[in-house]
C-alpha atoms as a PDB file:
ATOM      1  CA  UNK A   1      67.492 140.752 103.955  1.00  0.00           C
ATOM      2  CA  UNK A   2      69.924 140.853 106.885  1.00  0.00           C
ATOM      3  CA  UNK A   3      67.351 139.744 109.505  1.00  0.00           C
ATOM      4  CA  UNK A   4      66.760 136.551 107.503  1.00  0.00           C
ATOM      5  CA  UNK A   5      70.391 135.405 107.465  1.00  0.00           C
ATOM      6  CA  UNK A   6      70.254 133.528 110.821  1.00  0.00           C
ATOM      7  CA  UNK A   7      67.020 131.784 109.794  1.00  0.00           C
ATOM      8  CA  UNK A   8      68.477 130.801 106.427  1.00  0.00           C
ATOM      9  CA  UNK A   9      71.653 129.468 108.051  1.00  0.00           C
ATOM     10  CA  UNK A  10      69.604 127.413 110.511  1.00  0.00           C
ATOM     11  CA  UNK A  11      67.446 126.092 107.641  1.00  0.00           C
ATOM     12  CA  UNK A  12      70.610 125.032 105.789  1.00  0.00           C
ATOM     13  CA  UNK A  13      71.815 123.249 108.913  1.00  0.00           C
ATOM     14  CA  UNK A  14      68.480 121.404 109.198  1.00  0.00           C
ATOM     15  CA  UNK A  15      68.815 120.376 105.545  1.00  0.00           C
ATOM     16  CA  UNK A  16      72.378 119.118 106.069  1.00  0.00           C
ATOM     17  CA  UNK A  17      71.446 117.072 109.144  1.00  0.00           C
ATOM     18  CA  UNK A  18      68.396 115.680 107.322  1.00  0.00           C
ATOM     19  CA  UNK A  19      70.695 114.574 104.504  1.00  0.00           C
ATOM     20  CA  UNK A  20      72.738 112.278 106.762  1.00  0.00           C
ATOM     21  CA  UNK A  21      71.808 108.653 106.000  1.00  0.00           C
ATOM     22  CA  UNK A  22      70.733 106.385 108.859  1.00  0.00           C
ATOM     23  CA  UNK A  23      70.858 109.150 111.470  1.00  0.00           C
ATOM     24  CA  UNK A  24      69.429 108.026 114.779  1.00  0.00           C
ATOM     25  CA  UNK A  25      68.681 110.136 117.809  1.00  0.00           C
ATOM     26  CA  UNK A  26      70.258 108.903 121.045  1.00  0.00           C
ATOM     27  CA  UNK A  27      67.709 107.941 123.660  1.00  0.00           C
ATOM     28  CA  UNK A  28      68.002 110.012 126.787  1.00  0.00           C
ATOM     29  CA  UNK A  29      66.169 107.451 128.876  1.00  0.00           C
ATOM     30  CA  UNK A  30      62.632 108.469 127.967  1.00  0.00           C
ATOM     31  CA  UNK A  31      60.206 108.146 125.090  1.00  0.00           C
ATOM     32  CA  UNK A  32      59.795 110.668 122.320  1.00  0.00           C
ATOM     33  CA  UNK A  33      63.385 111.960 122.391  1.00  0.00           C
ATOM     34  CA  UNK A  34      63.235 112.136 118.594  1.00  0.00           C
ATOM     35  CA  UNK A  35      60.005 114.152 118.639  1.00  0.00           C
ATOM     36  CA  UNK A  36      61.469 116.572 121.193  1.00  0.00           C
ATOM     37  CA  UNK A  37      64.484 117.065 118.915  1.00  0.00           C
ATOM     38  CA  UNK A  38      62.190 117.849 115.979  1.00  0.00           C
ATOM     39  CA  UNK A  39      60.128 120.221 118.105  1.00  0.00           C
ATOM     40  CA  UNK A  40      63.264 121.980 119.364  1.00  0.00           C
ATOM     41  CA  UNK A  41      64.955 122.458 116.003  1.00  0.00           C
ATOM     42  CA  UNK A  42      61.793 123.901 114.454  1.00  0.00           C
ATOM     43  CA  UNK A  43      60.996 125.959 117.551  1.00  0.00           C
ATOM     44  CA  UNK A  44      64.362 127.649 117.039  1.00  0.00           C
ATOM     45  CA  UNK A  45      63.675 128.070 113.318  1.00  0.00           C
ATOM     46  CA  UNK A  46      60.281 129.547 114.176  1.00  0.00           C
ATOM     47  CA  UNK A  47      61.906 132.078 116.502  1.00  0.00           C
ATOM     48  CA  UNK A  48      64.444 133.111 113.876  1.00  0.00           C
ATOM     49  CA  UNK A  49      61.850 133.400 111.105  1.00  0.00           C
ATOM     50  CA  UNK A  50      59.419 135.329 113.315  1.00  0.00           C
ATOM     51  CA  UNK A  51      62.169 137.685 114.409  1.00  0.00           C
ATOM     52  CA  UNK A  52      63.033 138.362 110.767  1.00  0.00           C
ATOM     53  CA  UNK A  53      59.427 139.006 109.737  1.00  0.00           C
ATOM     54  CA  UNK A  54      58.863 141.198 112.796  1.00  0.00           C
ATOM     55  CA  UNK A  55      61.224 143.709 111.168  1.00  0.00           C
ATOM     56  CA  UNK A  56      58.693 144.217 108.374  1.00  0.00           C
ATOM     57  CA  UNK A  57      56.090 146.912 108.781  1.00  0.00           C
ATOM     58  CA  UNK A  58      53.144 144.525 109.211  1.00  0.00           C
ATOM     59  CA  UNK A  59      50.812 143.703 112.083  1.00  0.00           C
ATOM     60  CA  UNK A  60      51.865 141.142 114.710  1.00  0.00           C
ATOM     61  CA  UNK A  61      49.000 138.883 113.608  1.00  0.00           C
ATOM     62  CA  UNK A  62      50.360 138.841 110.050  1.00  0.00           C
ATOM     63  CA  UNK A  63      53.869 138.254 111.413  1.00  0.00           C
ATOM     64  CA  UNK A  64      52.535 135.214 113.265  1.00  0.00           C
ATOM     65  CA  UNK A  65      50.697 133.700 110.308  1.00  0.00           C
ATOM     66  CA  UNK A  66      53.456 134.288 107.785  1.00  0.00           C
ATOM     67  CA  UNK A  67      56.172 133.016 110.141  1.00  0.00           C
ATOM     68  CA  UNK A  68      54.211 129.984 111.307  1.00  0.00           C
ATOM     69  CA  UNK A  69      53.385 129.029 107.720  1.00  0.00           C
ATOM     70  CA  UNK A  70      56.919 129.550 106.391  1.00  0.00           C
ATOM     71  CA  UNK A  71      58.681 127.651 109.173  1.00  0.00           C
ATOM     72  CA  UNK A  72      55.962 124.963 109.398  1.00  0.00           C
ATOM     73  CA  UNK A  73      56.067 124.434 105.644  1.00  0.00           C
ATOM     74  CA  UNK A  74      59.828 124.044 105.860  1.00  0.00           C
ATOM     75  CA  UNK A  75      59.207 121.225 108.350  1.00  0.00           C
ATOM     76  CA  UNK A  76      56.869 119.525 105.880  1.00  0.00           C
ATOM     77  CA  UNK A  77      59.437 119.936 103.088  1.00  0.00           C
ATOM     78  CA  UNK A  78      62.171 118.576 105.375  1.00  0.00           C
ATOM     79  CA  UNK A  79      60.185 115.401 105.983  1.00  0.00           C
ATOM     80  CA  UNK A  80      59.530 115.072 102.234  1.00  0.00           C
ATOM     81  CA  UNK A  81      63.261 115.539 101.577  1.00  0.00           C
ATOM     82  CA  UNK A  82      63.994 112.569 103.832  1.00  0.00           C
ATOM     83  CA  UNK A  83      62.137 110.288 101.406  1.00  0.00           C
ATOM     84  CA  UNK A  84      65.165 110.632  99.131  1.00  0.00           C
ATOM     85  CA  UNK A  85      67.855 110.024 101.771  1.00  0.00           C
ATOM     86  CA  UNK A  86      68.975 106.387 102.147  1.00  0.00           C
ATOM     87  CA  UNK A  87      68.054 104.986 105.535  1.00  0.00           C
ATOM     88  CA  UNK A  88      65.683 107.862 106.331  1.00  0.00           C
ATOM     89  CA  UNK A  89      61.934 108.010 106.067  1.00  0.00           C
ATOM     90  CA  UNK A  90      59.076 110.433 106.333  1.00  0.00           C
ATOM     91  CA  UNK A  91      57.253 110.296 109.645  1.00  0.00           C
ATOM     92  CA  UNK A  92      53.949 112.080 110.127  1.00  0.00           C
ATOM     93  CA  UNK A  93      54.608 112.503 113.845  1.00  0.00           C
ATOM     94  CA  UNK A  94      57.994 114.085 113.121  1.00  0.00           C
ATOM     95  CA  UNK A  95      56.212 116.450 110.735  1.00  0.00           C
ATOM     96  CA  UNK A  96      53.662 117.258 113.441  1.00  0.00           C
ATOM     97  CA  UNK A  97      56.462 117.958 115.941  1.00  0.00           C
ATOM     98  CA  UNK A  98      58.145 120.241 113.378  1.00  0.00           C
ATOM     99  CA  UNK A  99      54.937 122.191 112.785  1.00  0.00           C
ATOM    100  CA  UNK A 100      54.078 122.438 116.484  1.00  0.00           C
ATOM    101  CA  UNK A 101      57.574 123.689 117.290  1.00  0.00           C
ATOM    102  CA  UNK A 102      57.419 126.337 114.564  1.00  0.00           C
ATOM    103  CA  UNK A 103      53.898 127.511 115.444  1.00  0.00           C
ATOM    104  CA  UNK A 104      54.650 127.581 119.180  1.00  0.00           C
ATOM    105  CA  UNK A 105      57.729 129.724 118.683  1.00  0.00           C
ATOM    106  CA  UNK A 106      55.920 132.121 116.357  1.00  0.00           C
ATOM    107  CA  UNK A 107      53.034 132.427 118.806  1.00  0.00           C
ATOM    108  CA  UNK A 108      55.235 133.064 121.830  1.00  0.00           C
ATOM    109  CA  UNK A 109      57.370 135.589 119.957  1.00  0.00           C
ATOM    110  CA  UNK A 110      54.347 137.504 118.659  1.00  0.00           C
ATOM    111  CA  UNK A 111      52.670 137.521 122.087  1.00  0.00           C
ATOM    112  CA  UNK A 112      55.818 139.057 123.578  1.00  0.00           C
ATOM    113  CA  UNK A 113      55.984 141.485 120.647  1.00  0.00           C
ATOM    114  CA  UNK A 114      52.372 142.575 121.166  1.00  0.00           C
ATOM    115  CA  UNK A 115      52.998 143.167 124.886  1.00  0.00           C
ATOM    116  CA  UNK A 116      55.940 145.418 124.000  1.00  0.00           C
ATOM    117  CA  UNK A 117      53.856 147.375 121.483  1.00  0.00           C
ATOM    118  CA  UNK A 118      50.901 148.001 123.816  1.00  0.00           C
END
């Protein structure tokens, strides 16, 4: 249970930020700043979730699939949650950025893990 605490805390933080009405991302002078923020927050969640599942006695491939699905599904649920927050909306591209961030992190972590094992 201990390895999951950082991932759970980060997931709570995502939920809290997603609950803020009318939250807008500051533009840093280029397009897709919002999508990069989504990718980054779920990349970090993906790392934390993959790290936690890597402590289980399962193959790296299973670690990848379980972690990518859990953290990616949380991204989908986060976008659904925003339907109920005033001033927020669900955006398919935000959801895609969430999923890509989570899957990328899980993949990179597991590739590094497999190199260490072999």
